[in-house]
PDB file of N, CA and C in Angstrom:
ATOM      1  N   MET A   1     158.430 -16.168  26.000  1.00  0.00           N
ATOM      2  CA  MET A   1     158.810 -16.440  27.379  1.00  0.00           C
ATOM      3  C   MET A   1     158.301 -15.310  28.265  1.00  0.00           C
ATOM      4  N   PRO A   2     157.821 -15.647  29.418  1.00  0.00           N
ATOM      5  CA  PRO A   2     157.356 -14.604  30.331  1.00  0.00           C
ATOM      6  C   PRO A   2     158.490 -13.955  31.122  1.00  0.00           C
ATOM      7  N   LEU A   3     159.715 -14.083  30.643  1.00  0.00           N
ATOM      8  CA  LEU A   3     160.871 -13.491  31.306  1.00  0.00           C
ATOM      9  C   LEU A   3     161.352 -12.283  30.525  1.00  0.00           C
ATOM     10  N   ASP A   4     162.085 -11.417  31.204  1.00  0.00           N
ATOM     11  CA  ASP A   4     162.748 -10.319  30.526  1.00  0.00           C
ATOM     12  C   ASP A   4     163.702 -10.916  29.501  1.00  0.00           C
ATOM     13  N   LYS A   5     163.825 -10.282  28.324  1.00  0.00           N
ATOM     14  CA  LYS A   5     164.637 -10.874  27.262  1.00  0.00           C
ATOM     15  C   LYS A   5     166.098 -11.028  27.679  1.00  0.00           C
ATOM     16  N   ASP A   6     166.615 -10.107  28.486  1.00  0.00           N
ATOM     17  CA  ASP A   6     167.995 -10.247  28.957  1.00  0.00           C
ATOM     18  C   ASP A   6     168.140 -11.437  29.904  1.00  0.00           C
ATOM     19  N   ASP A   7     167.138 -11.659  30.757  1.00  0.00           N
ATOM     20  CA  ASP A   7     167.171 -12.812  31.654  1.00  0.00           C
ATOM     21  C   ASP A   7     167.143 -14.114  30.866  1.00  0.00           C
ATOM     22  N   THR A   8     166.345 -14.153  29.814  1.00  0.00           N
ATOM     23  CA  THR A   8     166.255 -15.345  28.982  1.00  0.00           C
ATOM     24  C   THR A   8     167.613 -15.681  28.374  1.00  0.00           C
ATOM     25  N   VAL A   9     168.316 -14.675  27.907  1.00  0.00           N
ATOM     26  CA  VAL A   9     169.636 -14.893  27.310  1.00  0.00           C
ATOM     27  C   VAL A   9     170.617 -15.403  28.362  1.00  0.00           C
ATOM     28  N   VAL A  10     170.582 -14.801  29.551  1.00  0.00           N
ATOM     29  CA  VAL A  10     171.492 -15.226  30.622  1.00  0.00           C
ATOM     30  C   VAL A  10     171.193 -16.666  31.025  1.00  0.00           C
ATOM     31  N   TYR A  11     169.928 -16.998  31.223  1.00  0.00           N
ATOM     32  CA  TYR A  11     169.571 -18.357  31.639  1.00  0.00           C
ATOM     33  C   TYR A  11     169.941 -19.387  30.576  1.00  0.00           C
ATOM     34  N   SER A  12     169.692 -19.060  29.310  1.00  0.00           N
ATOM     35  CA  SER A  12     170.051 -20.022  28.264  1.00  0.00           C
ATOM     36  C   SER A  12     171.567 -20.169  28.182  1.00  0.00           C
ATOM     37  N   GLY A  13     172.302 -19.096  28.446  1.00  0.00           N
ATOM     38  CA  GLY A  13     173.762 -19.191  28.476  1.00  0.00           C
ATOM     39  C   GLY A  13     174.251 -20.090  29.599  1.00  0.00           C
ATOM     40  N   VAL A  14     173.614 -19.984  30.762  1.00  0.00           N
ATOM     41  CA  VAL A  14     173.974 -20.854  31.884  1.00  0.00           C
ATOM     42  C   VAL A  14     173.699 -22.314  31.517  1.00  0.00           C
ATOM     43  N   VAL A  15     172.571 -22.566  30.879  1.00  0.00           N
ATOM     44  CA  VAL A  15     172.238 -23.940  30.458  1.00  0.00           C
ATOM     45  C   VAL A  15     173.282 -24.448  29.465  1.00  0.00           C
ATOM     46  N   GLU A  16     173.706 -23.598  28.535  1.00  0.00           N
ATOM     47  CA  GLU A  16     174.729 -24.010  27.573  1.00  0.00           C
ATOM     48  C   GLU A  16     176.029 -24.395  28.280  1.00  0.00           C
ATOM     49  N   ILE A  17     176.428 -23.616  29.269  1.00  0.00           N
ATOM     50  CA  ILE A  17     177.656 -23.916  30.020  1.00  0.00           C
ATOM     51  C   ILE A  17     177.518 -25.229  30.773  1.00  0.00           C
ATOM     52  N   VAL A  18     176.379 -25.432  31.413  1.00  0.00           N
ATOM     53  CA  VAL A  18     176.149 -26.676  32.154  1.00  0.00           C
ATOM     54  C   VAL A  18     176.156 -27.879  31.205  1.00  0.00           C
ATOM     55  N   LEU A  19     175.482 -27.756  30.082  1.00  0.00           N
ATOM     56  CA  LEU A  19     175.438 -28.864  29.129  1.00  0.00           C
ATOM     57  C   LEU A  19     176.824 -29.151  28.549  1.00  0.00           C
ATOM     58  N   GLY A  20     177.548 -28.104  28.195  1.00  0.00           N
ATOM     59  CA  GLY A  20     178.894 -28.300  27.675  1.00  0.00           C
ATOM     60  C   GLY A  20     179.810 -28.945  28.703  1.00  0.00           C
ATOM     61  N   SER A  21     179.691 -28.522  29.949  1.00  0.00           N
ATOM     62  CA  SER A  21     180.505 -29.100  31.021  1.00  0.00           C
ATOM     63  C   SER A  21     180.139 -30.552  31.281  1.00  0.00           C
ATOM     64  N   SER A  22     178.882 -30.873  31.095  1.00  0.00           N
ATOM     65  CA  SER A  22     178.442 -32.236  31.387  1.00  0.00           C
ATOM     66  C   SER A  22     179.075 -33.255  30.456  1.00  0.00           C
ATOM     67  N   ILE A  23     179.432 -32.847  29.246  1.00  0.00           N
ATOM     68  CA  ILE A  23     180.108 -33.778  28.335  1.00  0.00           C
ATOM     69  C   ILE A  23     181.432 -34.230  28.946  1.00  0.00           C
ATOM     70  N   ILE A  24     182.092 -33.330  29.616  1.00  0.00           N
ATOM     71  CA  ILE A  24     183.382 -33.640  30.236  1.00  0.00           C
ATOM     72  C   ILE A  24     183.190 -34.438  31.525  1.00  0.00           C
ATOM     73  N   LEU A  25     182.141 -34.131  32.256  1.00  0.00           N
ATOM     74  CA  LEU A  25     181.984 -34.659  33.606  1.00  0.00           C
ATOM     75  C   LEU A  25     181.248 -35.993  33.704  1.00  0.00           C
ATOM     76  N   VAL A  26     180.421 -36.318  32.726  1.00  0.00           N
ATOM     77  CA  VAL A  26     179.643 -37.557  32.843  1.00  0.00           C
ATOM     78  C   VAL A  26     180.463 -38.762  32.413  1.00  0.00           C
ATOM     79  N   SER A  27     180.015 -39.913  32.840  1.00  0.00           N
ATOM     80  CA  SER A  27     180.680 -41.155  32.447  1.00  0.00           C
ATOM     81  C   SER A  27     180.423 -41.422  30.965  1.00  0.00           C
ATOM     82  N   ASP A  28     181.253 -42.270  30.393  1.00  0.00           N
ATOM     83  CA  ASP A  28     181.099 -42.604  28.978  1.00  0.00           C
ATOM     84  C   ASP A  28     179.728 -43.212  28.681  1.00  0.00           C
ATOM     85  N   LYS A  29     179.173 -43.907  29.657  1.00  0.00           N
ATOM     86  CA  LYS A  29     177.855 -44.529  29.476  1.00  0.00           C
ATOM     87  C   LYS A  29     176.764 -43.484  29.231  1.00  0.00           C
ATOM     88  N   LYS A  30     176.928 -42.283  29.776  1.00  0.00           N
ATOM     89  CA  LYS A  30     175.876 -41.269  29.670  1.00  0.00           C
ATOM     90  C   LYS A  30     176.152 -40.203  28.617  1.00  0.00           C
ATOM     91  N   LYS A  31     177.294 -40.256  27.970  1.00  0.00           N
ATOM     92  CA  LYS A  31     177.644 -39.229  26.974  1.00  0.00           C
ATOM     93  C   LYS A  31     176.639 -39.171  25.829  1.00  0.00           C
ATOM     94  N   GLU A  32     176.187 -40.336  25.379  1.00  0.00           N
ATOM     95  CA  GLU A  32     175.231 -40.358  24.271  1.00  0.00           C
ATOM     96  C   GLU A  32     173.939 -39.650  24.647  1.00  0.00           C
ATOM     97  N   LEU A  33     173.478 -39.876  25.863  1.00  0.00           N
ATOM     98  CA  LEU A  33     172.274 -39.188  26.351  1.00  0.00           C
ATOM     99  C   LEU A  33     172.507 -37.688  26.423  1.00  0.00           C
ATOM    100  N   VAL A  34     173.660 -37.289  26.914  1.00  0.00           N
ATOM    101  CA  VAL A  34     173.979 -35.861  27.009  1.00  0.00           C
ATOM    102  C   VAL A  34     173.992 -35.228  25.619  1.00  0.00           C
ATOM    103  N   GLY A  35     174.540 -35.925  24.635  1.00  0.00           N
ATOM    104  CA  GLY A  35     174.536 -35.413  23.263  1.00  0.00           C
ATOM    105  C   GLY A  35     173.134 -35.182  22.748  1.00  0.00           C
ATOM    106  N   LYS A  36     172.241 -36.099  23.054  1.00  0.00           N
ATOM    107  CA  LYS A  36     170.846 -35.945  22.631  1.00  0.00           C
ATOM    108  C   LYS A  36     170.174 -34.781  23.355  1.00  0.00           C
ATOM    109  N   VAL A  37     170.477 -34.613  24.624  1.00  0.00           N
ATOM    110  CA  VAL A  37     169.913 -33.490  25.388  1.00  0.00           C
ATOM    111  C   VAL A  37     170.417 -32.163  24.820  1.00  0.00           C
ATOM    112  N   ILE A  38     171.690 -32.103  24.494  1.00  0.00           N
ATOM    113  CA  ILE A  38     172.253 -30.875  23.921  1.00  0.00           C
ATOM    114  C   ILE A  38     171.607 -30.581  22.570  1.00  0.00           C
ATOM    115  N   ALA A  39     171.453 -31.593  21.741  1.00  0.00           N
ATOM    116  CA  ALA A  39     170.781 -31.402  20.453  1.00  0.00           C
ATOM    117  C   ALA A  39     169.345 -30.921  20.662  1.00  0.00           C
ATOM    118  N   GLY A  40     168.670 -31.469  21.667  1.00  0.00           N
ATOM    119  CA  GLY A  40     167.319 -31.017  21.993  1.00  0.00           C
ATOM    120  C   GLY A  40     167.283 -29.564  22.445  1.00  0.00           C
ATOM    121  N   PHE A  41     168.296 -29.177  23.196  1.00  0.00           N
ATOM    122  CA  PHE A  41     168.381 -27.778  23.630  1.00  0.00           C
ATOM    123  C   PHE A  41     168.549 -26.859  22.415  1.00  0.00           C
ATOM    124  N   PHE A  42     169.439 -27.241  21.496  1.00  0.00           N
ATOM    125  CA  PHE A  42     169.611 -26.427  20.290  1.00  0.00           C
ATOM    126  C   PHE A  42     168.307 -26.336  19.502  1.00  0.00           C
ATOM    127  N   ALA A  43     167.553 -27.419  19.464  1.00  0.00           N
ATOM    128  CA  ALA A  43     166.259 -27.399  18.782  1.00  0.00           C
ATOM    129  C   ALA A  43     165.268 -26.493  19.514  1.00  0.00           C
ATOM    130  N   ALA A  44     165.326 -26.506  20.838  1.00  0.00           N
ATOM    131  CA  ALA A  44     164.385 -25.704  21.635  1.00  0.00           C
ATOM    132  C   ALA A  44     164.635 -24.205  21.484  1.00  0.00           C
ATOM    133  N   VAL A  45     165.887 -23.799  21.289  1.00  0.00           N
ATOM    134  CA  VAL A  45     166.171 -22.369  21.162  1.00  0.00           C
ATOM    135  C   VAL A  45     166.047 -21.883  19.715  1.00  0.00           C
ATOM    136  N   PHE A  46     165.885 -22.808  18.778  1.00  0.00           N
ATOM    137  CA  PHE A  46     165.777 -22.424  17.369  1.00  0.00           C
ATOM    138  C   PHE A  46     164.645 -21.423  17.113  1.00  0.00           C
ATOM    139  N   PRO A  47     163.447 -21.602  17.674  1.00  0.00           N
ATOM    140  CA  PRO A  47     162.386 -20.610  17.427  1.00  0.00           C
ATOM    141  C   PRO A  47     162.772 -19.198  17.882  1.00  0.00           C
ATOM    142  N   GLY A  48     163.509 -19.095  18.967  1.00  0.00           N
ATOM    143  CA  GLY A  48     163.967 -17.781  19.412  1.00  0.00           C
ATOM    144  C   GLY A  48     164.959 -17.169  18.441  1.00  0.00           C
ATOM    145  N   ASN A  49     165.813 -18.016  17.888  1.00  0.00           N
ATOM    146  CA  ASN A  49     166.765 -17.526  16.893  1.00  0.00           C
ATOM    147  C   ASN A  49     166.056 -17.121  15.602  1.00  0.00           C
ATOM    148  N   TRP A  50     165.017 -17.885  15.250  1.00  0.00           N
ATOM    149  CA  TRP A  50     164.212 -17.514  14.076  1.00  0.00           C
ATOM    150  C   TRP A  50     163.543 -16.166  14.320  1.00  0.00           C
ATOM    151  N   ALA A  51     162.995 -15.965  15.508  1.00  0.00           N
ATOM    152  CA  ALA A  51     162.335 -14.690  15.830  1.00  0.00           C
ATOM    153  C   ALA A  51     163.335 -13.538  15.780  1.00  0.00           C
ATOM    154  N   GLN A  52     164.558 -13.780  16.230  1.00  0.00           N
ATOM    155  CA  GLN A  52     165.584 -12.738  16.175  1.00  0.00           C
ATOM    156  C   GLN A  52     165.857 -12.352  14.722  1.00  0.00           C
ATOM    157  N   TYR A  53     165.909 -13.336  13.843  1.00  0.00           N
ATOM    158  CA  TYR A  53     166.118 -13.065  12.415  1.00  0.00           C
ATOM    159  C   TYR A  53     164.908 -12.342  11.822  1.00  0.00           C
ATOM    160  N   LYS A  54     163.730 -12.881  12.083  1.00  0.00           N
ATOM    161  CA  LYS A  54     162.499 -12.335  11.503  1.00  0.00           C
ATOM    162  C   LYS A  54     162.249 -10.894  11.938  1.00  0.00           C
ATOM    163  N   ASN A  55     162.561 -10.597  13.199  1.00  0.00           N
ATOM    164  CA  ASN A  55     162.298  -9.261  13.746  1.00  0.00           C
ATOM    165  C   ASN A  55     163.509  -8.338  13.683  1.00  0.00           C
ATOM    166  N   HIS A  56     164.582  -8.782  13.027  1.00  0.00           N
ATOM    167  CA  HIS A  56     165.784  -7.968  12.816  1.00  0.00           C
ATOM    168  C   HIS A  56     166.379  -7.468  14.134  1.00  0.00           C
ATOM    169  N   ARG A  57     166.466  -8.348  15.123  1.00  0.00           N
ATOM    170  CA  ARG A  57     167.004  -7.971  16.435  1.00  0.00           C
ATOM    171  C   ARG A  57     168.484  -8.335  16.525  1.00  0.00           C
ATOM    172  N   ASN A  58     169.278  -7.385  16.944  1.00  0.00           N
ATOM    173  CA  ASN A  58     170.710  -7.598  17.120  1.00  0.00           C
ATOM    174  C   ASN A  58     170.977  -8.297  18.436  1.00  0.00           C
ATOM    175  N   GLY A  59     172.095  -8.980  18.497  1.00  0.00           N
ATOM    176  CA  GLY A  59     172.509  -9.602  19.745  1.00  0.00           C
ATOM    177  C   GLY A  59     173.764 -10.418  19.571  1.00  0.00           C
ATOM    178  N   PHE A  60     174.710 -10.246  20.475  1.00  0.00           N
ATOM    179  CA  PHE A  60     175.943 -11.042  20.521  1.00  0.00           C
ATOM    180  C   PHE A  60     176.661 -11.091  19.173  1.00  0.00           C
ATOM    181  N   GLY A  61     176.863  -9.944  18.565  1.00  0.00           N
ATOM    182  CA  GLY A  61     177.582  -9.877  17.301  1.00  0.00           C
ATOM    183  C   GLY A  61     176.740 -10.185  16.079  1.00  0.00           C
ATOM    184  N   LEU A  62     175.508 -10.557  16.288  1.00  0.00           N
ATOM    185  CA  LEU A  62     174.607 -10.840  15.165  1.00  0.00           C
ATOM    186  C   LEU A  62     173.865  -9.556  14.826  1.00  0.00           C
ATOM    187  N   ASP A  63     174.560  -8.674  14.104  1.00  0.00           N
ATOM    188  CA  ASP A  63     174.025  -7.341  13.859  1.00  0.00           C
ATOM    189  C   ASP A  63     173.570  -7.114  12.417  1.00  0.00           C
ATOM    190  N   THR A  64     173.515  -8.205  11.647  1.00  0.00           N
ATOM    191  CA  THR A  64     172.971  -8.122  10.285  1.00  0.00           C
ATOM    192  C   THR A  64     172.062  -9.329  10.049  1.00  0.00           C
ATOM    193  N   ASP A  65     171.163  -9.160   9.094  1.00  0.00           N
ATOM    194  CA  ASP A  65     170.285 -10.284   8.759  1.00  0.00           C
ATOM    195  C   ASP A  65     171.083 -11.456   8.196  1.00  0.00           C
ATOM    196  N   GLN A  66     172.174 -11.176   7.487  1.00  0.00           N
ATOM    197  CA  GLN A  66     172.991 -12.250   6.924  1.00  0.00           C
ATOM    198  C   GLN A  66     173.604 -13.100   8.042  1.00  0.00           C
ATOM    199  N   LYS A  67     174.094 -12.466   9.097  1.00  0.00           N
ATOM    200  CA  LYS A  67     174.675 -13.210  10.219  1.00  0.00           C
ATOM    201  C   LYS A  67     173.609 -14.010  10.956  1.00  0.00           C
ATOM    202  N   ARG A  68     172.437 -13.397  11.144  1.00  0.00           N
ATOM    203  CA  ARG A  68     171.361 -14.113  11.836  1.00  0.00           C
ATOM    204  C   ARG A  68     170.870 -15.297  11.003  1.00  0.00           C
ATOM    205  N   LEU A  69     170.803 -15.128   9.687  1.00  0.00           N
ATOM    206  CA  LEU A  69     170.384 -16.224   8.805  1.00  0.00           C
ATOM    207  C   LEU A  69     171.433 -17.337   8.797  1.00  0.00           C
ATOM    208  N   ALA A  70     172.696 -16.970   8.773  1.00  0.00           N
ATOM    209  CA  ALA A  70     173.759 -17.975   8.793  1.00  0.00           C
ATOM    210  C   ALA A  70     173.658 -18.826  10.052  1.00  0.00           C
ATOM    211  N   ARG A  71     173.340 -18.200  11.181  1.00  0.00           N
ATOM    212  CA  ARG A  71     173.209 -18.971  12.426  1.00  0.00           C
ATOM    213  C   ARG A  71     172.084 -19.991  12.306  1.00  0.00           C
ATOM    214  N   LEU A  72     171.000 -19.629  11.641  1.00  0.00           N
ATOM    215  CA  LEU A  72     169.889 -20.570  11.480  1.00  0.00           C
ATOM    216  C   LEU A  72     170.337 -21.816  10.710  1.00  0.00           C
ATOM    217  N   PHE A  73     171.210 -21.647   9.725  1.00  0.00           N
ATOM    218  CA  PHE A  73     171.699 -22.788   8.961  1.00  0.00           C
ATOM    219  C   PHE A  73     172.768 -23.569   9.721  1.00  0.00           C
ATOM    220  N   LEU A  74     173.480 -22.906  10.619  1.00  0.00           N
ATOM    221  CA  LEU A  74     174.498 -23.591  11.409  1.00  0.00           C
ATOM    222  C   LEU A  74     173.904 -24.386  12.572  1.00  0.00           C
ATOM    223  N   GLN A  75     172.747 -23.975  13.033  1.00  0.00           N
ATOM    224  CA  GLN A  75     172.153 -24.629  14.201  1.00  0.00           C
ATOM    225  C   GLN A  75     171.907 -26.126  13.987  1.00  0.00           C
ATOM    226  N   PRO A  76     171.358 -26.557  12.855  1.00  0.00           N
ATOM    227  CA  PRO A  76     171.212 -28.006  12.645  1.00  0.00           C
ATOM    228  C   PRO A  76     172.557 -28.735  12.636  1.00  0.00           C
ATOM    229  N   LEU A  77     173.601 -28.061  12.152  1.00  0.00           N
ATOM    230  CA  LEU A  77     174.931 -28.674  12.180  1.00  0.00           C
ATOM    231  C   LEU A  77     175.418 -28.851  13.616  1.00  0.00           C
ATOM    232  N   LEU A  78     175.112 -27.886  14.484  1.00  0.00           N
ATOM    233  CA  LEU A  78     175.460 -28.029  15.899  1.00  0.00           C
ATOM    234  C   LEU A  78     174.716 -29.212  16.519  1.00  0.00           C
ATOM    235  N   MET A  79     173.465 -29.375  16.142  1.00  0.00           N
ATOM    236  CA  MET A  79     172.676 -30.491  16.654  1.00  0.00           C
ATOM    237  C   MET A  79     173.303 -31.822  16.212  1.00  0.00           C
ATOM    238  N   LEU A  80     173.660 -31.904  14.942  1.00  0.00           N
ATOM    239  CA  LEU A  80     174.280 -33.115  14.424  1.00  0.00           C
ATOM    240  C   LEU A  80     175.625 -33.368  15.104  1.00  0.00           C
ATOM    241  N   TRP A  81     176.398 -32.319  15.298  1.00  0.00           N
ATOM    242  CA  TRP A  81     177.699 -32.437  15.956  1.00  0.00           C
ATOM    243  C   TRP A  81     177.540 -32.963  17.381  1.00  0.00           C
ATOM    244  N   ALA A  82     176.548 -32.424  18.117  1.00  0.00           N
ATOM    245  CA  ALA A  82     176.323 -32.881  19.489  1.00  0.00           C
ATOM    246  C   ALA A  82     175.992 -34.364  19.530  1.00  0.00           C
ATOM    247  N   ILE A  83     175.204 -34.823  18.587  1.00  0.00           N
ATOM    248  CA  ILE A  83     174.827 -36.235  18.573  1.00  0.00           C
ATOM    249  C   ILE A  83     175.993 -37.120  18.114  1.00  0.00           C
ATOM    250  N   LYS A  84     176.612 -36.752  17.002  1.00  0.00           N
ATOM    251  CA  LYS A  84     177.688 -37.586  16.445  1.00  0.00           C
ATOM    252  C   LYS A  84     178.921 -37.642  17.351  1.00  0.00           C
ATOM    253  N   SER A  85     179.237 -36.531  18.000  1.00  0.00           N
ATOM    254  CA  SER A  85     180.449 -36.511  18.818  1.00  0.00           C
ATOM    255  C   SER A  85     180.305 -37.272  20.126  1.00  0.00           C
ATOM    256  N   THR A  86     179.096 -37.645  20.472  1.00  0.00           N
ATOM    257  CA  THR A  86     178.869 -38.368  21.727  1.00  0.00           C
ATOM    258  C   THR A  86     178.390 -39.798  21.513  1.00  0.00           C
ATOM    259  N   GLN A  87     178.303 -40.218  20.250  1.00  0.00           N
ATOM    260  CA  GLN A  87     177.904 -41.599  19.983  1.00  0.00           C
ATOM    261  C   GLN A  87     179.055 -42.545  20.257  1.00  0.00           C
ATOM    262  N   LYS A  88     178.706 -43.765  20.601  1.00  0.00           N
ATOM    263  CA  LYS A  88     179.712 -44.791  20.867  1.00  0.00           C
ATOM    264  C   LYS A  88     180.227 -45.390  19.589  1.00  0.00           C
TER     265      LYS A  88
END
């Protein structure tokens, strides 16, 4: 990203808040779409999380390689949860 790494984290956090809020705010007709968008967002940030693991970068309590690796395995579960929890 051509942004400062701290800015990238802040912007992605804002997107997470907006997406999470949208599940509550949208009509039932659009929840399934929102779930897919959230899953897509988790997929889009996965390469950054992989880079954090690969380059041994700490952040937000992820101060060991074991914690960073665990997040990589949890991310697909978050994607599945976003889709399944918003299906009709």
